[in-house]
Protein backbone atom coordinates (compact mmCIF):
# COMPACT_ATOMS: atom_id res chain seq x y z
CA MET A 1 55.41 7.48 28.91
CA THR A 2 56.18 9.54 25.83
CA GLN A 3 56.30 7.12 22.95
CA PRO A 4 57.88 7.50 19.54
CA ARG A 5 55.69 8.11 16.56
CA GLY A 6 54.46 4.77 15.38
CA SER A 7 54.37 3.35 18.87
CA ALA A 8 51.94 0.71 19.97
CA ALA A 9 49.59 3.42 21.14
CA ASN A 10 48.77 3.94 17.47
CA SER A 11 49.21 0.33 16.30
CA PRO A 12 46.19 -1.97 16.54
CA ALA A 13 48.39 -4.88 15.47
CA LEU A 14 50.20 -4.73 18.81
CA SER A 15 47.33 -3.71 21.08
CA ALA A 16 46.65 -7.29 22.16
CA ALA A 17 50.26 -7.84 23.14
CA LEU A 18 50.40 -4.72 25.27
CA SER A 19 47.03 -5.33 26.93
CA GLY A 20 48.45 -8.49 28.48
CA ALA A 21 46.41 -10.76 26.22
CA VAL A 22 49.51 -12.41 24.79
CA ASP A 23 50.93 -15.42 26.62
CA LEU A 24 54.64 -15.27 25.86
CA SER A 25 55.10 -18.73 27.29
CA GLY A 26 53.23 -20.10 24.29
CA LEU A 27 56.49 -21.19 22.69
CA LYS A 28 57.74 -22.98 25.81
CA ALA A 29 56.40 -26.38 24.77
CA ARG A 30 58.33 -26.28 21.52
CA ALA A 31 61.48 -25.19 23.36
CA ASP A 32 61.05 -27.99 25.92
CA ALA A 33 60.53 -30.53 23.16
CA SER A 34 63.79 -29.50 21.52
CA ARG A 35 65.89 -29.88 24.67
CA PRO A 36 68.12 -32.98 24.89
CA ARG A 37 66.45 -35.93 26.59
CA PRO A 38 68.16 -38.26 29.08
CA ASP A 39 68.87 -40.74 26.29
CA GLY A 40 70.91 -38.04 24.52
CA SER A 41 68.40 -37.50 21.72
CA GLY A 42 67.06 -34.13 20.79
CA ASP A 43 68.58 -31.21 18.94
CA GLN A 44 71.36 -29.78 21.06
CA ALA A 45 71.72 -26.78 18.77
CA THR A 46 68.22 -25.59 19.54
CA ALA A 47 68.07 -26.61 23.16
CA GLY A 48 66.91 -24.03 25.68
CA GLY A 49 70.06 -24.03 27.78
CA PRO A 50 71.38 -21.06 29.70
CA PRO A 51 70.86 -17.55 28.28
CA SER A 52 73.46 -16.36 25.79
CA GLU A 53 76.02 -13.73 26.69
CA GLY A 54 76.26 -10.35 25.01
CA ALA A 55 74.11 -7.31 24.36
CA VAL A 56 72.83 -8.59 21.00
CA ILE A 57 71.52 -12.14 20.59
CA ASP A 58 69.75 -14.10 17.87
CA VAL A 59 66.57 -15.75 19.11
CA THR A 60 64.56 -18.63 17.66
CA GLU A 61 61.23 -20.19 18.56
CA ALA A 62 63.13 -22.84 20.52
CA THR A 63 65.16 -20.32 22.57
CA PHE A 64 62.51 -17.63 22.99
CA GLN A 65 61.44 -18.77 26.45
CA ALA A 66 64.93 -18.71 27.94
CA GLU A 67 66.43 -15.83 25.98
CA VAL A 68 63.47 -13.45 26.14
CA VAL A 69 60.79 -14.40 28.67
CA GLU A 70 63.03 -15.67 31.47
CA ARG A 71 65.77 -13.11 30.86
CA SER A 72 63.18 -10.28 31.02
CA LEU A 73 62.52 -11.16 34.66
CA GLN A 74 65.94 -9.65 35.41
CA THR A 75 66.47 -6.99 32.75
CA LEU A 76 64.82 -5.24 29.82
CA VAL A 77 64.74 -7.26 26.61
CA VAL A 78 64.03 -5.46 23.34
CA VAL A 79 62.83 -7.79 20.56
CA ASP A 80 63.67 -6.72 17.01
CA LEU A 81 61.40 -8.52 14.52
CA TRP A 82 63.06 -8.31 11.10
CA ALA A 83 63.57 -10.08 7.78
CA GLU A 84 66.36 -10.13 5.22
CA TRP A 85 64.12 -8.68 2.48
CA CYS A 86 62.93 -5.75 4.61
CA GLY A 87 64.59 -2.47 3.62
CA PRO A 88 63.56 -0.43 6.72
CA CYS A 89 64.85 -3.29 8.90
CA LYS A 90 68.32 -2.74 7.47
CA GLN A 91 68.11 0.89 8.58
CA LEU A 92 66.77 0.20 12.05
CA SER A 93 68.64 -2.94 13.16
CA PRO A 94 72.17 -1.44 13.05
CA VAL A 95 70.98 1.47 15.21
CA LEU A 96 69.47 -0.89 17.78
CA GLU A 97 72.59 -3.06 17.79
CA ARG A 98 74.86 -0.06 18.39
CA LEU A 99 72.68 1.28 21.19
CA ALA A 100 72.53 -2.15 22.83
CA ALA A 101 76.31 -2.40 22.75
CA GLU A 102 76.60 1.08 24.25
CA SER A 103 74.22 0.18 27.10
CA GLY A 104 76.77 -2.01 28.86
CA GLY A 105 74.18 -4.73 29.40
CA ALA A 106 71.48 -2.49 30.88
CA TRP A 107 69.21 -3.98 28.23
CA VAL A 108 69.50 -6.78 25.70
CA LEU A 109 68.55 -6.79 22.03
CA ALA A 110 66.93 -10.05 20.90
CA LYS A 111 66.84 -10.32 17.10
CA VAL A 112 64.15 -12.51 15.53
CA ASP A 113 64.11 -13.39 11.84
CA VAL A 114 60.35 -13.60 11.23
CA ASP A 115 60.74 -15.74 8.11
CA ALA A 116 62.61 -18.41 10.05
CA ASN A 117 60.47 -18.00 13.18
CA PRO A 118 56.91 -17.14 12.07
CA ARG A 119 55.27 -18.24 15.32
CA ILE A 120 56.98 -15.44 17.25
CA SER A 121 55.58 -12.72 14.99
CA GLN A 122 52.18 -14.45 15.10
CA LEU A 123 52.41 -14.42 18.88
CA PHE A 124 52.57 -10.61 18.85
CA GLY A 125 50.04 -10.21 16.03
CA VAL A 126 52.62 -8.31 13.99
CA GLN A 127 51.36 -7.16 10.61
CA SER A 128 54.39 -5.17 9.42
CA ILE A 129 58.11 -5.09 10.03
CA PRO A 130 60.32 -3.84 11.44
CA THR A 131 58.48 -4.09 14.73
CA VAL A 132 60.22 -3.61 18.06
CA VAL A 133 58.69 -4.88 21.31
CA ALA A 134 60.02 -4.18 24.82
CA ILE A 135 59.63 -7.10 27.24
CA ALA A 136 59.91 -6.74 31.03
CA GLY A 137 58.80 -9.11 33.75
CA GLY A 138 57.78 -11.67 31.14
CA GLN A 139 55.29 -9.38 29.39
CA PRO A 140 55.30 -6.77 26.59
CA VAL A 141 55.37 -3.25 28.02
CA ASP A 142 55.76 -1.06 24.94
CA ALA A 143 56.39 -1.28 21.21
CA PHE A 144 56.76 0.60 17.97
CA SER A 145 56.85 -0.28 14.28
CA GLY A 146 58.73 1.24 11.40
CA ALA A 147 62.26 2.64 11.19
CA GLN A 148 62.44 5.44 13.77
CA PRO A 149 65.10 8.19 14.01
CA GLU A 150 67.88 7.44 16.48
CA PRO A 151 67.04 10.37 18.84
CA GLN A 152 63.51 9.02 19.28
CA ILE A 153 64.78 5.50 19.91
CA ARG A 154 67.24 6.80 22.52
CA GLN A 155 64.43 8.71 24.22
CA TRP A 156 62.18 5.64 24.18
CA LEU A 157 64.87 3.41 25.67
CA GLY A 158 65.79 5.99 28.29
CA GLN A 159 62.20 6.29 29.45
CA LEU A 160 61.82 2.51 29.63
CA LEU A 161 65.00 2.13 31.68
CA ASP A 162 63.92 4.92 34.04
CA ALA A 163 60.54 3.27 34.54
CA LEU A 164 61.96 -0.22 35.05
CA ARG A 165 65.22 0.43 36.91
CA ASP A 166 63.72 -0.24 40.34
CA LYS A 167 61.78 -3.28 39.12
CA LEU A 168 64.44 -5.22 37.19
CA PRO A 169 67.68 -5.80 39.14
CA GLY A 170 69.73 -6.47 36.03
CA ILE A 171 69.45 -2.85 34.90
CA ASN A 172 70.97 -1.45 38.10
CA ALA A 173 73.62 -4.15 38.21
CA ALA A 174 74.79 -3.40 34.67
CA GLU A 175 74.82 0.34 35.25
CA GLN A 176 76.77 0.01 38.50
CA GLN A 177 79.31 -2.27 36.85
CA ALA A 178 79.72 0.31 34.11
CA GLY A 179 80.45 3.02 36.66
CA GLY A 180 77.31 3.90 38.56
CA GLU A 181 74.13 5.65 37.57
CA PRO A 182 74.14 6.78 33.96
CA GLU A 183 74.46 10.46 33.39
CA GLU A 184 71.17 12.06 32.66
CA GLU A 185 70.90 13.21 29.10
CA GLN A 186 70.95 16.95 28.80
CA GLU A 187 67.54 18.20 27.83
CA ASP A 188 67.40 20.21 24.65
CA PRO A 189 66.21 23.65 25.84
CA ARG A 190 64.41 24.19 22.55
CA PHE A 191 62.20 21.17 23.13
CA THR A 192 61.78 22.11 26.78
CA GLU A 193 60.49 25.51 25.69
CA ALA A 194 57.95 23.87 23.39
CA GLU A 195 56.85 21.35 26.02
CA ASP A 196 56.45 24.09 28.63
CA ALA A 197 54.19 25.94 26.20
CA LEU A 198 52.13 22.78 25.73
CA ASP A 199 51.82 22.37 29.49
CA ARG A 200 50.36 25.89 29.61
CA GLY A 201 47.97 25.04 26.79
CA ASP A 202 49.68 27.63 24.57
CA PHE A 203 49.53 25.75 21.29
CA ALA A 204 50.58 28.77 19.21
CA GLU A 205 53.82 29.22 21.16
CA ALA A 206 54.51 25.47 21.11
CA GLU A 207 54.03 25.42 17.34
CA ALA A 208 56.35 28.40 16.96
CA ALA A 209 58.99 26.72 19.13
CA TYR A 210 58.96 23.52 17.09
CA GLN A 211 59.01 25.53 13.86
CA ARG A 212 62.13 27.37 15.05
CA ILE A 213 63.84 24.00 15.58
CA LEU A 214 62.91 22.94 12.05
CA ASP A 215 64.07 26.24 10.59
CA ALA A 216 67.49 25.51 12.08
CA GLU A 217 67.40 21.74 11.50
CA PRO A 218 65.05 20.84 8.62
CA GLY A 219 65.81 17.14 9.12
CA ASN A 220 64.86 16.96 12.80
CA GLU A 221 62.29 14.14 12.72
CA LEU A 222 61.30 14.56 16.36
CA ALA A 223 60.38 18.20 15.79
CA LYS A 224 58.50 17.33 12.59
CA ALA A 225 56.38 14.73 14.35
CA ALA A 226 55.78 17.05 17.31
CA LEU A 227 54.70 19.89 15.04
CA VAL A 228 52.09 17.69 13.37
CA GLN A 229 50.76 16.64 16.76
CA VAL A 230 50.65 20.21 18.10
CA ARG A 231 48.77 21.55 15.11
CA PHE A 232 46.21 18.79 15.42
CA SER A 233 45.89 19.30 19.19
CA ALA A 234 45.25 22.99 18.65
CA ARG A 235 42.40 22.23 16.25
CA ALA A 236 40.99 19.40 18.32
CA SER A 237 40.95 21.54 21.46
CA GLU A 238 38.32 23.73 19.80
CA THR A 239 35.92 20.86 19.14
CA ASP A 240 33.56 18.87 21.34
CA GLU A 241 30.91 16.21 20.85
CA SER A 242 28.54 18.79 19.35
CA ALA A 243 30.80 18.85 16.27
CA VAL A 244 29.53 15.44 15.23
CA ALA A 245 25.89 16.41 15.69
CA LYS A 246 26.44 19.57 13.66
CA ALA A 247 28.08 17.60 10.85
CA GLU A 248 25.26 15.06 10.81
CA ALA A 249 22.69 17.85 10.67
CA ASP A 250 24.32 19.53 7.66
CA PRO A 251 26.31 17.11 5.46
CA ALA A 252 27.10 19.93 3.01
CA ASP A 253 28.96 21.99 5.64
CA LEU A 254 32.59 21.13 4.90
CA ASP A 255 34.00 22.89 7.95
CA ALA A 256 31.60 20.95 10.16
CA GLN A 257 32.74 17.68 8.58
CA LEU A 258 36.41 18.56 9.15
CA ALA A 259 35.76 19.49 12.77
CA ALA A 260 33.79 16.30 13.36
CA ALA A 261 36.61 14.19 11.90
CA ASP A 262 39.11 15.93 14.20
CA TYR A 263 36.89 15.19 17.18
CA GLU A 264 36.56 11.52 16.23
CA VAL A 265 40.31 11.11 15.82
CA ALA A 266 40.92 12.88 19.13
CA GLN A 267 38.46 10.47 20.76
CA ARG A 268 40.56 7.51 19.54
CA ASP A 269 38.16 6.59 16.77
CA PRO A 270 40.28 7.41 13.71
CA SER A 271 38.47 4.95 11.45
CA ALA A 272 35.27 6.98 11.91
CA GLY A 273 37.07 10.24 11.12
CA PHE A 274 38.77 8.77 8.07
CA ALA A 275 35.53 7.26 6.75
CA ARG A 276 33.69 10.55 7.27
CA LEU A 277 36.12 12.54 5.15
CA ILE A 278 36.41 9.88 2.45
CA GLY A 279 32.62 9.97 2.20
CA VAL A 280 32.76 13.75 1.73
CA ILE A 281 35.45 13.40 -0.95
CA ARG A 282 33.21 11.03 -2.90
CA LYS A 283 30.49 13.70 -3.01
CA THR A 284 32.61 16.78 -3.78
CA SER A 285 34.88 18.08 -6.52
CA GLY A 286 37.29 20.88 -7.30
CA ASP A 287 38.58 23.04 -4.47
CA ASP A 288 36.16 21.55 -1.95
CA ARG A 289 37.41 18.03 -2.62
CA ASN A 290 41.05 19.15 -2.45
CA LYS A 291 40.46 20.91 0.88
CA VAL A 292 39.02 17.76 2.44
CA ARG A 293 41.73 15.56 0.90
CA GLU A 294 44.52 17.72 2.36
CA HIS A 295 42.87 17.63 5.76
CA LEU A 296 42.59 13.83 5.63
CA VAL A 297 46.22 13.39 4.58
CA GLY A 298 47.19 15.58 7.53
CA LEU A 299 45.32 13.21 9.84
CA PHE A 300 47.21 10.26 8.34
CA ASP A 301 50.45 11.96 9.42
CA LEU A 302 49.43 11.51 13.06
CA PHE A 303 49.87 7.74 12.68
CA ASP A 304 52.48 5.23 11.65
CA PRO A 305 52.28 4.81 7.85
CA ALA A 306 52.31 1.04 8.43
CA ASP A 307 49.21 1.18 10.63
CA GLU A 308 46.51 -1.02 9.07
CA LEU A 309 43.88 1.70 9.59
CA VAL A 310 45.97 4.17 7.59
CA ILE A 311 46.74 1.66 4.86
CA LYS A 312 43.04 0.86 4.43
CA ALA A 313 42.06 4.54 4.51
CA ARG A 314 44.66 5.37 1.85
CA ARG A 315 43.23 2.64 -0.38
CA ASP A 316 39.71 3.99 0.19
CA LEU A 317 40.93 7.52 -0.56
CA ALA A 318 42.48 6.41 -3.84
CA SER A 319 39.22 4.69 -4.78
CA ALA A 320 37.24 7.84 -3.94
CA LEU A 321 39.54 10.04 -6.01
CA PHE A 322 39.88 7.83 -9.06
């Protein structure tokens, strides 16, 4: 599945949730305790009860089991973890709410105020907000953090619905009630051209294709993110495990250090790549230091700015520079 920049693939904070290590029924006991008892006691306002109606619902710790876990056995539930003080949340939430309303019930948006319901964010191991988690079949299946552009969110949702349509009956039922199978979104031929070039391994043509999109639409966030990824992929394709050995053999060879860092990031060990270049920055000055710094900042752009690895590396970079 193609994921938006900032997806859980690049977010250690959500890796446990998406590996199946999170038991979403962990809040069930609290929900059960809040349900009315035969003697009439208990808080009716927070009782589990039947799932709410509508495409956008507010969820609490007491209603999480019924509104999210149980509902996700029938349809896709997208959990929006937000807070009143969070600026990016105020950008992202209205987009999610509008898209949920447009879906005709094919998926449901469950909004969780993390200040009022801290155990839910703890359940997912969330370290920054906004964070959005897709739940299907009672388990997290994908996620992203940070305020994403609407086109990327639409693409993400479309891919999830395509993958889950045959597994969750509520998706098909909602789409049929709305008038049958949804029309397939028309593919942007400019992106298709770039993706075809990538499939051929022609990084130069893919880069040129994405650059043409940006020349026409400087604000196209999807093309910006893709261009960063393509440029890195082109560099990384020219490195192998020998790059690390070469860098270790000659610490003064800046190009070898840059290539080794690219290889480490490509091998899903970004912390090693970041640490390598920060170590070089500590030992260099002038143009050499600036060259390594620019390369490192370019590697940061491959990840969500809210990723804890990036935040730590930026702090270490500042310490190395000043």
